[in-house]
């Protein structure tokens, strides 16, 4: 069993890094620093740090809240956080230490 961290980054579909969505930019940055494996989860509603409601509505899906969840060893998570900080996109995140492994056959 390996040890590392779960990094969860909170954003929404309307946040951009250049012309790219923040979600896609996070995934590309993770790949660039060698992190493999991420899951994007989309939410129905969320409240940001300023108390504003973000919600996926029928006519406006761009404001849909999203979380990018990444599990990796700590040096990889550290490298990803440095790379994301250099991108200067304001993101809220949580980091939780954990053990992880794989089950089943390849």
PDB file of N, CA and C in Angstrom:
ATOM      1  N   UNK A   1       0.848  -1.171   0.000  1.00  0.00           N
ATOM      2  CA  UNK A   1       0.000   0.000   0.000  1.00  0.00           C
ATOM      3  C   UNK A   1       0.895   1.236   0.000  1.00  0.00           C
ATOM      4  N   UNK A   2       0.543   2.209  -0.815  1.00  0.00           N
ATOM      5  CA  UNK A   2       1.310   3.448  -0.923  1.00  0.00           C
ATOM      6  C   UNK A   2       0.682   4.530  -0.051  1.00  0.00           C
ATOM      7  N   UNK A   3       1.472   5.530   0.266  1.00  0.00           N
ATOM      8  CA  UNK A   3       0.948   6.682   0.986  1.00  0.00           C
ATOM      9  C   UNK A   3       1.115   7.927   0.126  1.00  0.00           C
ATOM     10  N   UNK A   4       0.269   8.894   0.364  1.00  0.00           N
ATOM     11  CA  UNK A   4       0.323  10.132  -0.397  1.00  0.00           C
ATOM     12  C   UNK A   4      -0.777  11.054   0.061  1.00  0.00           C
ATOM     13  N   UNK A   5      -1.355  11.779  -0.877  1.00  0.00           N
ATOM     14  CA  UNK A   5      -2.404  12.747  -0.556  1.00  0.00           C
ATOM     15  C   UNK A   5      -3.500  12.716  -1.613  1.00  0.00           C
ATOM     16  N   UNK A   6      -4.679  13.116  -1.169  1.00  0.00           N
ATOM     17  CA  UNK A   6      -5.765  13.409  -2.099  1.00  0.00           C
ATOM     18  C   UNK A   6      -5.861  14.918  -2.185  1.00  0.00           C
ATOM     19  N   UNK A   7      -5.722  15.444  -3.383  1.00  0.00           N
ATOM     20  CA  UNK A   7      -5.858  16.868  -3.638  1.00  0.00           C
ATOM     21  C   UNK A   7      -7.182  17.077  -4.349  1.00  0.00           C
ATOM     22  N   UNK A   8      -8.041  17.907  -3.778  1.00  0.00           N
ATOM     23  CA  UNK A   8      -9.320  18.230  -4.395  1.00  0.00           C
ATOM     24  C   UNK A   8      -9.335  19.723  -4.686  1.00  0.00           C
ATOM     25  N   UNK A   9      -9.505  20.067  -5.947  1.00  0.00           N
ATOM     26  CA  UNK A   9      -9.546  21.459  -6.389  1.00  0.00           C
ATOM     27  C   UNK A   9     -10.979  21.802  -6.757  1.00  0.00           C
ATOM     28  N   UNK A  10     -11.462  22.924  -6.252  1.00  0.00           N
ATOM     29  CA  UNK A  10     -12.849  23.340  -6.457  1.00  0.00           C
ATOM     30  C   UNK A  10     -12.875  24.510  -7.437  1.00  0.00           C
ATOM     31  N   UNK A  11     -13.718  24.420  -8.440  1.00  0.00           N
ATOM     32  CA  UNK A  11     -13.822  25.470  -9.449  1.00  0.00           C
ATOM     33  C   UNK A  11     -15.224  25.437 -10.037  1.00  0.00           C
ATOM     34  N   UNK A  12     -15.422  26.107 -11.145  1.00  0.00           N
ATOM     35  CA  UNK A  12     -16.675  25.992 -11.883  1.00  0.00           C
ATOM     36  C   UNK A  12     -16.355  26.081 -13.365  1.00  0.00           C
ATOM     37  N   UNK A  13     -17.305  25.677 -14.168  1.00  0.00           N
ATOM     38  CA  UNK A  13     -17.073  25.582 -15.613  1.00  0.00           C
ATOM     39  C   UNK A  13     -16.831  26.932 -16.283  1.00  0.00           C
ATOM     40  N   UNK A  14     -17.211  28.031 -15.650  1.00  0.00           N
ATOM     41  CA  UNK A  14     -17.023  29.339 -16.270  1.00  0.00           C
ATOM     42  C   UNK A  14     -15.633  29.924 -16.011  1.00  0.00           C
ATOM     43  N   UNK A  15     -14.882  29.374 -15.058  1.00  0.00           N
ATOM     44  CA  UNK A  15     -13.536  29.881 -14.768  1.00  0.00           C
ATOM     45  C   UNK A  15     -12.579  29.461 -15.882  1.00  0.00           C
ATOM     46  N   UNK A  16     -11.767  30.406 -16.343  1.00  0.00           N
ATOM     47  CA  UNK A  16     -10.860  30.150 -17.468  1.00  0.00           C
ATOM     48  C   UNK A  16      -9.413  30.428 -17.099  1.00  0.00           C
ATOM     49  N   UNK A  17      -8.522  29.732 -17.770  1.00  0.00           N
ATOM     50  CA  UNK A  17      -7.084  30.021 -17.799  1.00  0.00           C
ATOM     51  C   UNK A  17      -6.794  30.248 -19.271  1.00  0.00           C
ATOM     52  N   UNK A  18      -6.706  31.523 -19.664  1.00  0.00           N
ATOM     53  CA  UNK A  18      -6.620  31.836 -21.080  1.00  0.00           C
ATOM     54  C   UNK A  18      -7.928  31.470 -21.747  1.00  0.00           C
ATOM     55  N   UNK A  19      -7.850  30.716 -22.825  1.00  0.00           N
ATOM     56  CA  UNK A  19      -9.061  30.291 -23.519  1.00  0.00           C
ATOM     57  C   UNK A  19      -9.538  28.909 -23.072  1.00  0.00           C
ATOM     58  N   UNK A  20      -8.828  28.314 -22.132  1.00  0.00           N
ATOM     59  CA  UNK A  20      -9.113  26.955 -21.671  1.00  0.00           C
ATOM     60  C   UNK A  20      -9.907  26.996 -20.367  1.00  0.00           C
ATOM     61  N   UNK A  21     -10.800  26.032 -20.182  1.00  0.00           N
ATOM     62  CA  UNK A  21     -11.509  25.958 -18.900  1.00  0.00           C
ATOM     63  C   UNK A  21     -10.509  25.624 -17.801  1.00  0.00           C
ATOM     64  N   UNK A  22     -10.798  26.093 -16.582  1.00  0.00           N
ATOM     65  CA  UNK A  22      -9.910  25.797 -15.455  1.00  0.00           C
ATOM     66  C   UNK A  22      -9.791  24.293 -15.239  1.00  0.00           C
ATOM     67  N   UNK A  23     -10.874  23.559 -15.437  1.00  0.00           N
ATOM     68  CA  UNK A  23     -10.844  22.104 -15.260  1.00  0.00           C
ATOM     69  C   UNK A  23      -9.846  21.474 -16.240  1.00  0.00           C
ATOM     70  N   UNK A  24      -9.934  21.829 -17.510  1.00  0.00           N
ATOM     71  CA  UNK A  24      -9.009  21.274 -18.502  1.00  0.00           C
ATOM     72  C   UNK A  24      -7.570  21.694 -18.219  1.00  0.00           C
ATOM     73  N   UNK A  25      -7.380  22.937 -17.795  1.00  0.00           N
ATOM     74  CA  UNK A  25      -6.040  23.426 -17.461  1.00  0.00           C
ATOM     75  C   UNK A  25      -5.452  22.653 -16.278  1.00  0.00           C
ATOM     76  N   UNK A  26      -6.265  22.386 -15.259  1.00  0.00           N
ATOM     77  CA  UNK A  26      -5.799  21.595 -14.108  1.00  0.00           C
ATOM     78  C   UNK A  26      -5.379  20.203 -14.568  1.00  0.00           C
ATOM     79  N   UNK A  27      -6.211  19.561 -15.387  1.00  0.00           N
ATOM     80  CA  UNK A  27      -5.884  18.220 -15.886  1.00  0.00           C
ATOM     81  C   UNK A  27      -4.610  18.227 -16.726  1.00  0.00           C
ATOM     82  N   UNK A  28      -4.462  19.216 -17.599  1.00  0.00           N
ATOM     83  CA  UNK A  28      -3.249  19.322 -18.421  1.00  0.00           C
ATOM     84  C   UNK A  28      -2.013  19.579 -17.568  1.00  0.00           C
ATOM     85  N   UNK A  29      -2.152  20.411 -16.542  1.00  0.00           N
ATOM     86  CA  UNK A  29      -1.027  20.705 -15.651  1.00  0.00           C
ATOM     87  C   UNK A  29      -0.633  19.469 -14.863  1.00  0.00           C
ATOM     88  N   UNK A  30      -1.617  18.725 -14.392  1.00  0.00           N
ATOM     89  CA  UNK A  30      -1.329  17.482 -13.670  1.00  0.00           C
ATOM     90  C   UNK A  30      -0.565  16.508 -14.567  1.00  0.00           C
ATOM     91  N   UNK A  31      -1.013  16.369 -15.787  1.00  0.00           N
ATOM     92  CA  UNK A  31      -0.334  15.476 -16.738  1.00  0.00           C
ATOM     93  C   UNK A  31       1.093  15.945 -17.010  1.00  0.00           C
ATOM     94  N   UNK A  32       1.285  17.261 -17.136  1.00  0.00           N
ATOM     95  CA  UNK A  32       2.601  17.820 -17.443  1.00  0.00           C
ATOM     96  C   UNK A  32       3.623  17.574 -16.332  1.00  0.00           C
ATOM     97  N   UNK A  33       3.160  17.518 -15.080  1.00  0.00           N
ATOM     98  CA  UNK A  33       4.098  17.266 -13.974  1.00  0.00           C
ATOM     99  C   UNK A  33       4.195  15.781 -13.629  1.00  0.00           C
ATOM    100  N   UNK A  34       3.519  14.938 -14.395  1.00  0.00           N
ATOM    101  CA  UNK A  34       3.653  13.495 -14.215  1.00  0.00           C
ATOM    102  C   UNK A  34       2.619  12.842 -13.329  1.00  0.00           C
ATOM    103  N   UNK A  35       1.602  13.565 -12.933  1.00  0.00           N
ATOM    104  CA  UNK A  35       0.532  12.973 -12.130  1.00  0.00           C
ATOM    105  C   UNK A  35      -0.409  12.231 -13.064  1.00  0.00           C
ATOM    106  N   UNK A  36      -0.691  10.994 -12.744  1.00  0.00           N
ATOM    107  CA  UNK A  36      -1.593  10.182 -13.557  1.00  0.00           C
ATOM    108  C   UNK A  36      -2.821   9.833 -12.736  1.00  0.00           C
ATOM    109  N   UNK A  37      -3.958  10.089 -13.290  1.00  0.00           N
ATOM    110  CA  UNK A  37      -5.206   9.724 -12.628  1.00  0.00           C
ATOM    111  C   UNK A  37      -5.850  10.899 -11.936  1.00  0.00           C
ATOM    112  N   UNK A  38      -6.970  11.321 -12.455  1.00  0.00           N
ATOM    113  CA  UNK A  38      -7.761  12.396 -11.860  1.00  0.00           C
ATOM    114  C   UNK A  38      -9.217  12.136 -12.203  1.00  0.00           C
ATOM    115  N   UNK A  39     -10.079  12.576 -11.332  1.00  0.00           N
ATOM    116  CA  UNK A  39     -11.516  12.446 -11.560  1.00  0.00           C
ATOM    117  C   UNK A  39     -12.150  13.817 -11.457  1.00  0.00           C
ATOM    118  N   UNK A  40     -12.979  14.147 -12.429  1.00  0.00           N
ATOM    119  CA  UNK A  40     -13.720  15.410 -12.406  1.00  0.00           C
ATOM    120  C   UNK A  40     -15.158  15.076 -12.016  1.00  0.00           C
ATOM    121  N   UNK A  41     -15.628  15.757 -10.985  1.00  0.00           N
ATOM    122  CA  UNK A  41     -17.014  15.588 -10.541  1.00  0.00           C
ATOM    123  C   UNK A  41     -17.713  16.929 -10.675  1.00  0.00           C
ATOM    124  N   UNK A  42     -18.890  16.901 -11.235  1.00  0.00           N
ATOM    125  CA  UNK A  42     -19.649  18.127 -11.422  1.00  0.00           C
ATOM    126  C   UNK A  42     -20.812  18.148 -10.452  1.00  0.00           C
ATOM    127  N   UNK A  43     -21.054  19.335  -9.911  1.00  0.00           N
ATOM    128  CA  UNK A  43     -22.104  19.492  -8.921  1.00  0.00           C
ATOM    129  C   UNK A  43     -23.295  20.239  -9.481  1.00  0.00           C
ATOM    130  N   UNK A  44     -24.394  20.155  -8.764  1.00  0.00           N
ATOM    131  CA  UNK A  44     -25.603  20.891  -9.146  1.00  0.00           C
ATOM    132  C   UNK A  44     -25.538  22.332  -8.667  1.00  0.00           C
ATOM    133  N   UNK A  45     -25.066  22.511  -7.423  1.00  0.00           N
ATOM    134  CA  UNK A  45     -24.985  23.842  -6.839  1.00  0.00           C
ATOM    135  C   UNK A  45     -23.806  23.915  -5.892  1.00  0.00           C
ATOM    136  N   UNK A  46     -23.315  25.131  -5.707  1.00  0.00           N
ATOM    137  CA  UNK A  46     -22.246  25.374  -4.754  1.00  0.00           C
ATOM    138  C   UNK A  46     -22.213  26.852  -4.403  1.00  0.00           C
ATOM    139  N   UNK A  47     -21.643  27.168  -3.242  1.00  0.00           N
ATOM    140  CA  UNK A  47     -21.490  28.542  -2.795  1.00  0.00           C
ATOM    141  C   UNK A  47     -20.006  28.828  -2.703  1.00  0.00           C
ATOM    142  N   UNK A  48     -19.577  29.937  -3.327  1.00  0.00           N
ATOM    143  CA  UNK A  48     -18.149  30.252  -3.311  1.00  0.00           C
ATOM    144  C   UNK A  48     -17.758  31.025  -2.056  1.00  0.00           C
ATOM    145  N   UNK A  49     -16.488  31.372  -1.965  1.00  0.00           N
ATOM    146  CA  UNK A  49     -15.938  32.056  -0.804  1.00  0.00           C
ATOM    147  C   UNK A  49     -16.593  33.417  -0.569  1.00  0.00           C
ATOM    148  N   UNK A  50     -17.174  34.000  -1.594  1.00  0.00           N
ATOM    149  CA  UNK A  50     -17.835  35.298  -1.480  1.00  0.00           C
ATOM    150  C   UNK A  50     -19.332  35.160  -1.182  1.00  0.00           C
ATOM    151  N   UNK A  51     -19.813  33.935  -1.027  1.00  0.00           N
ATOM    152  CA  UNK A  51     -21.213  33.695  -0.723  1.00  0.00           C
ATOM    153  C   UNK A  51     -22.118  33.664  -1.938  1.00  0.00           C
ATOM    154  N   UNK A  52     -21.531  33.688  -3.140  1.00  0.00           N
ATOM    155  CA  UNK A  52     -22.331  33.645  -4.373  1.00  0.00           C
ATOM    156  C   UNK A  52     -22.681  32.207  -4.720  1.00  0.00           C
ATOM    157  N   UNK A  53     -23.914  32.015  -5.113  1.00  0.00           N
ATOM    158  CA  UNK A  53     -24.396  30.699  -5.519  1.00  0.00           C
ATOM    159  C   UNK A  53     -23.987  30.428  -6.961  1.00  0.00           C
ATOM    160  N   UNK A  54     -23.433  29.268  -7.201  1.00  0.00           N
ATOM    161  CA  UNK A  54     -23.132  28.798  -8.554  1.00  0.00           C
ATOM    162  C   UNK A  54     -23.980  27.553  -8.770  1.00  0.00           C
ATOM    163  N   UNK A  55     -24.662  27.503  -9.899  1.00  0.00           N
ATOM    164  CA  UNK A  55     -25.564  26.376 -10.129  1.00  0.00           C
ATOM    165  C   UNK A  55     -25.647  26.065 -11.611  1.00  0.00           C
ATOM    166  N   UNK A  56     -25.802  24.793 -11.893  1.00  0.00           N
ATOM    167  CA  UNK A  56     -26.032  24.340 -13.266  1.00  0.00           C
ATOM    168  C   UNK A  56     -27.521  24.477 -13.541  1.00  0.00           C
ATOM    169  N   UNK A  57     -27.852  25.314 -14.469  1.00  0.00           N
ATOM    170  CA  UNK A  57     -29.237  25.518 -14.870  1.00  0.00           C
ATOM    171  C   UNK A  57     -29.392  25.080 -16.317  1.00  0.00           C
ATOM    172  N   UNK A  58     -30.593  24.843 -16.718  1.00  0.00           N
ATOM    173  CA  UNK A  58     -30.864  24.339 -18.063  1.00  0.00           C
ATOM    174  C   UNK A  58     -30.244  25.219 -19.139  1.00  0.00           C
ATOM    175  N   UNK A  59     -30.355  26.531 -19.006  1.00  0.00           N
ATOM    176  CA  UNK A  59     -29.862  27.436 -20.035  1.00  0.00           C
ATOM    177  C   UNK A  59     -28.428  27.904 -19.794  1.00  0.00           C
ATOM    178  N   UNK A  60     -27.873  27.654 -18.619  1.00  0.00           N
ATOM    179  CA  UNK A  60     -26.544  28.160 -18.305  1.00  0.00           C
ATOM    180  C   UNK A  60     -25.732  27.100 -17.559  1.00  0.00           C
ATOM    181  N   UNK A  61     -25.146  26.167 -18.307  1.00  0.00           N
ATOM    182  CA  UNK A  61     -24.333  25.122 -17.691  1.00  0.00           C
ATOM    183  C   UNK A  61     -22.913  25.587 -17.395  1.00  0.00           C
ATOM    184  N   UNK A  62     -22.500  26.743 -17.920  1.00  0.00           N
ATOM    185  CA  UNK A  62     -21.131  27.220 -17.722  1.00  0.00           C
ATOM    186  C   UNK A  62     -20.835  27.525 -16.265  1.00  0.00           C
ATOM    187  N   UNK A  63     -21.837  27.800 -15.454  1.00  0.00           N
ATOM    188  CA  UNK A  63     -21.618  28.135 -14.050  1.00  0.00           C
ATOM    189  C   UNK A  63     -21.650  26.889 -13.164  1.00  0.00           C
ATOM    190  N   UNK A  64     -21.646  25.728 -13.770  1.00  0.00           N
ATOM    191  CA  UNK A  64     -21.724  24.469 -13.038  1.00  0.00           C
ATOM    192  C   UNK A  64     -20.486  24.276 -12.167  1.00  0.00           C
ATOM    193  N   UNK A  65     -20.669  24.031 -10.855  1.00  0.00           N
ATOM    194  CA  UNK A  65     -19.534  23.758  -9.986  1.00  0.00           C
ATOM    195  C   UNK A  65     -18.845  22.454 -10.403  1.00  0.00           C
ATOM    196  N   UNK A  66     -17.529  22.400 -10.197  1.00  0.00           N
ATOM    197  CA  UNK A  66     -16.772  21.195 -10.530  1.00  0.00           C
ATOM    198  C   UNK A  66     -15.659  20.991  -9.513  1.00  0.00           C
ATOM    199  N   UNK A  67     -15.336  19.725  -9.268  1.00  0.00           N
ATOM    200  CA  UNK A  67     -14.208  19.359  -8.412  1.00  0.00           C
ATOM    201  C   UNK A  67     -13.295  18.450  -9.219  1.00  0.00           C
ATOM    202  N   UNK A  68     -12.005  18.689  -9.107  1.00  0.00           N
ATOM    203  CA  UNK A  68     -11.015  17.806  -9.699  1.00  0.00           C
ATOM    204  C   UNK A  68     -10.325  17.101  -8.536  1.00  0.00           C
ATOM    205  N   UNK A  69     -10.437  15.779  -8.479  1.00  0.00           N
ATOM    206  CA  UNK A  69      -9.874  14.984  -7.392  1.00  0.00           C
ATOM    207  C   UNK A  69      -8.684  14.201  -7.929  1.00  0.00           C
ATOM    208  N   UNK A  70      -7.542  14.368  -7.263  1.00  0.00           N
ATOM    209  CA  UNK A  70      -6.299  13.725  -7.690  1.00  0.00           C
ATOM    210  C   UNK A  70      -5.694  13.015  -6.489  1.00  0.00           C
ATOM    211  N   UNK A  71      -5.276  11.773  -6.668  1.00  0.00           N
ATOM    212  CA  UNK A  71      -4.575  11.014  -5.637  1.00  0.00           C
ATOM    213  C   UNK A  71      -3.211  10.647  -6.187  1.00  0.00           C
ATOM    214  N   UNK A  72      -2.167  10.977  -5.430  1.00  0.00           N
ATOM    215  CA  UNK A  72      -0.800  10.678  -5.868  1.00  0.00           C
ATOM    216  C   UNK A  72       0.125  10.715  -4.661  1.00  0.00           C
ATOM    217  N   UNK A  73       1.381  10.330  -4.884  1.00  0.00           N
ATOM    218  CA  UNK A  73       2.364  10.434  -3.810  1.00  0.00           C
ATOM    219  C   UNK A  73       2.621  11.915  -3.505  1.00  0.00           C
ATOM    220  N   UNK A  74       3.143  12.188  -2.316  1.00  0.00           N
ATOM    221  CA  UNK A  74       3.302  13.574  -1.880  1.00  0.00           C
ATOM    222  C   UNK A  74       4.243  14.406  -2.752  1.00  0.00           C
ATOM    223  N   UNK A  75       5.377  13.874  -3.233  1.00  0.00           N
ATOM    224  CA  UNK A  75       6.206  14.704  -4.121  1.00  0.00           C
ATOM    225  C   UNK A  75       5.476  15.119  -5.400  1.00  0.00           C
ATOM    226  N   UNK A  76       4.636  14.254  -5.932  1.00  0.00           N
ATOM    227  CA  UNK A  76       3.862  14.596  -7.135  1.00  0.00           C
ATOM    228  C   UNK A  76       2.823  15.664  -6.838  1.00  0.00           C
ATOM    229  N   UNK A  77       2.149  15.538  -5.701  1.00  0.00           N
ATOM    230  CA  UNK A  77       1.158  16.551  -5.305  1.00  0.00           C
ATOM    231  C   UNK A  77       1.852  17.888  -5.062  1.00  0.00           C
ATOM    232  N   UNK A  78       3.027  17.856  -4.406  1.00  0.00           N
ATOM    233  CA  UNK A  78       3.789  19.090  -4.171  1.00  0.00           C
ATOM    234  C   UNK A  78       4.143  19.768  -5.496  1.00  0.00           C
ATOM    235  N   UNK A  79       4.624  18.985  -6.461  1.00  0.00           N
ATOM    236  CA  UNK A  79       4.995  19.536  -7.774  1.00  0.00           C
ATOM    237  C   UNK A  79       3.774  20.118  -8.480  1.00  0.00           C
ATOM    238  N   UNK A  80       2.644  19.449  -8.377  1.00  0.00           N
ATOM    239  CA  UNK A  80       1.425  19.950  -9.001  1.00  0.00           C
ATOM    240  C   UNK A  80       0.993  21.274  -8.375  1.00  0.00           C
ATOM    241  N   UNK A  81       1.045  21.365  -7.060  1.00  0.00           N
ATOM    242  CA  UNK A  81       0.659  22.609  -6.398  1.00  0.00           C
ATOM    243  C   UNK A  81       1.559  23.775  -6.814  1.00  0.00           C
ATOM    244  N   UNK A  82       2.857  23.521  -6.952  1.00  0.00           N
ATOM    245  CA  UNK A  82       3.777  24.570  -7.410  1.00  0.00           C
ATOM    246  C   UNK A  82       3.402  25.017  -8.826  1.00  0.00           C
ATOM    247  N   UNK A  83       3.148  24.059  -9.711  1.00  0.00           N
ATOM    248  CA  UNK A  83       2.792  24.382 -11.098  1.00  0.00           C
ATOM    249  C   UNK A  83       1.469  25.144 -11.173  1.00  0.00           C
ATOM    250  N   UNK A  84       0.502  24.740 -10.375  1.00  0.00           N
ATOM    251  CA  UNK A  84      -0.789  25.436 -10.376  1.00  0.00           C
ATOM    252  C   UNK A  84      -0.643  26.852  -9.831  1.00  0.00           C
ATOM    253  N   UNK A  85       0.163  27.028  -8.807  1.00  0.00           N
ATOM    254  CA  UNK A  85       0.392  28.365  -8.247  1.00  0.00           C
ATOM    255  C   UNK A  85       1.007  29.289  -9.290  1.00  0.00           C
ATOM    256  N   UNK A  86       1.908  28.761 -10.095  1.00  0.00           N
ATOM    257  CA  UNK A  86       2.551  29.563 -11.138  1.00  0.00           C
ATOM    258  C   UNK A  86       1.560  29.997 -12.216  1.00  0.00           C
ATOM    259  N   UNK A  87       0.448  29.281 -12.350  1.00  0.00           N
ATOM    260  CA  UNK A  87      -0.568  29.643 -13.327  1.00  0.00           C
ATOM    261  C   UNK A  87      -1.405  30.837 -12.922  1.00  0.00           C
ATOM    262  N   UNK A  88      -1.327  31.222 -11.639  1.00  0.00           N
ATOM    263  CA  UNK A  88      -1.996  32.419 -11.126  1.00  0.00           C
ATOM    264  C   UNK A  88      -3.516  32.413 -11.330  1.00  0.00           C
ATOM    265  N   UNK A  89      -4.109  31.221 -11.257  1.00  0.00           N
ATOM    266  CA  UNK A  89      -5.571  31.103 -11.288  1.00  0.00           C
ATOM    267  C   UNK A  89      -6.013  30.875  -9.849  1.00  0.00           C
ATOM    268  N   UNK A  90      -6.959  31.673  -9.389  1.00  0.00           N
ATOM    269  CA  UNK A  90      -7.418  31.556  -8.007  1.00  0.00           C
ATOM    270  C   UNK A  90      -8.265  30.304  -7.849  1.00  0.00           C
ATOM    271  N   UNK A  91      -7.754  29.355  -7.054  1.00  0.00           N
ATOM    272  CA  UNK A  91      -8.443  28.093  -6.814  1.00  0.00           C
ATOM    273  C   UNK A  91      -8.471  27.804  -5.317  1.00  0.00           C
ATOM    274  N   UNK A  92      -9.548  27.221  -4.847  1.00  0.00           N
ATOM    275  CA  UNK A  92      -9.618  26.701  -3.485  1.00  0.00           C
ATOM    276  C   UNK A  92      -9.332  25.211  -3.574  1.00  0.00           C
ATOM    277  N   UNK A  93      -8.572  24.686  -2.596  1.00  0.00           N
ATOM    278  CA  UNK A  93      -8.282  23.252  -2.607  1.00  0.00           C
ATOM    279  C   UNK A  93      -8.232  22.710  -1.194  1.00  0.00           C
ATOM    280  N   UNK A  94      -8.384  21.394  -1.100  1.00  0.00           N
ATOM    281  CA  UNK A  94      -8.139  20.668   0.140  1.00  0.00           C
ATOM    282  C   UNK A  94      -7.123  19.582  -0.160  1.00  0.00           C
ATOM    283  N   UNK A  95      -6.330  19.261   0.847  1.00  0.00           N
ATOM    284  CA  UNK A  95      -5.323  18.196   0.717  1.00  0.00           C
ATOM    285  C   UNK A  95      -5.429  17.320   1.948  1.00  0.00           C
ATOM    286  N   UNK A  96      -5.592  16.028   1.718  1.00  0.00           N
ATOM    287  CA  UNK A  96      -5.789  15.071   2.792  1.00  0.00           C
ATOM    288  C   UNK A  96      -4.792  13.924   2.652  1.00  0.00           C
ATOM    289  N   UNK A  97      -4.039  13.609   3.714  1.00  0.00           N
ATOM    290  CA  UNK A  97      -3.138  12.456   3.640  1.00  0.00           C
ATOM    291  C   UNK A  97      -3.945  11.155   3.603  1.00  0.00           C
ATOM    292  N   UNK A  98      -3.431  10.166   2.845  1.00  0.00           N
ATOM    293  CA  UNK A  98      -4.136   8.889   2.756  1.00  0.00           C
ATOM    294  C   UNK A  98      -3.214   7.769   2.299  1.00  0.00           C
ATOM    295  N   UNK A  99      -3.737   6.563   2.387  1.00  0.00           N
ATOM    296  CA  UNK A  99      -3.093   5.376   1.839  1.00  0.00           C
ATOM    297  C   UNK A  99      -3.894   4.963   0.614  1.00  0.00           C
ATOM    298  N   UNK A 100      -3.205   4.445  -0.397  1.00  0.00           N
ATOM    299  CA  UNK A 100      -3.932   4.022  -1.584  1.00  0.00           C
ATOM    300  C   UNK A 100      -3.245   2.818  -2.218  1.00  0.00           C
ATOM    301  N   UNK A 101      -3.981   2.134  -3.062  1.00  0.00           N
ATOM    302  CA  UNK A 101      -3.464   0.954  -3.735  1.00  0.00           C
ATOM    303  C   UNK A 101      -4.393   0.541  -4.855  1.00  0.00           C
ATOM    304  N   UNK A 102      -4.129  -0.618  -5.405  1.00  0.00           N
ATOM    305  CA  UNK A 102      -4.915  -1.136  -6.522  1.00  0.00           C
ATOM    306  C   UNK A 102      -5.445  -2.516  -6.150  1.00  0.00           C
ATOM    307  N   UNK A 103      -6.608  -2.856  -6.672  1.00  0.00           N
ATOM    308  CA  UNK A 103      -7.216  -4.160  -6.462  1.00  0.00           C
ATOM    309  C   UNK A 103      -7.483  -4.811  -7.810  1.00  0.00           C
ATOM    310  N   UNK A 104      -7.526  -6.119  -7.838  1.00  0.00           N
ATOM    311  CA  UNK A 104      -7.898  -6.836  -9.046  1.00  0.00           C
ATOM    312  C   UNK A 104      -6.749  -7.027 -10.021  1.00  0.00           C
ATOM    313  N   UNK A 105      -7.069  -7.726 -11.108  1.00  0.00           N
ATOM    314  CA  UNK A 105      -6.089  -8.018 -12.154  1.00  0.00           C
ATOM    315  C   UNK A 105      -6.037  -6.896 -13.161  1.00  0.00           C
ATOM    316  N   UNK A 106      -4.910  -6.816 -13.878  1.00  0.00           N
ATOM    317  CA  UNK A 106      -4.772  -5.845 -14.966  1.00  0.00           C
ATOM    318  C   UNK A 106      -5.498  -6.312 -16.188  1.00  0.00           C
TER     319      UNK A 106
END
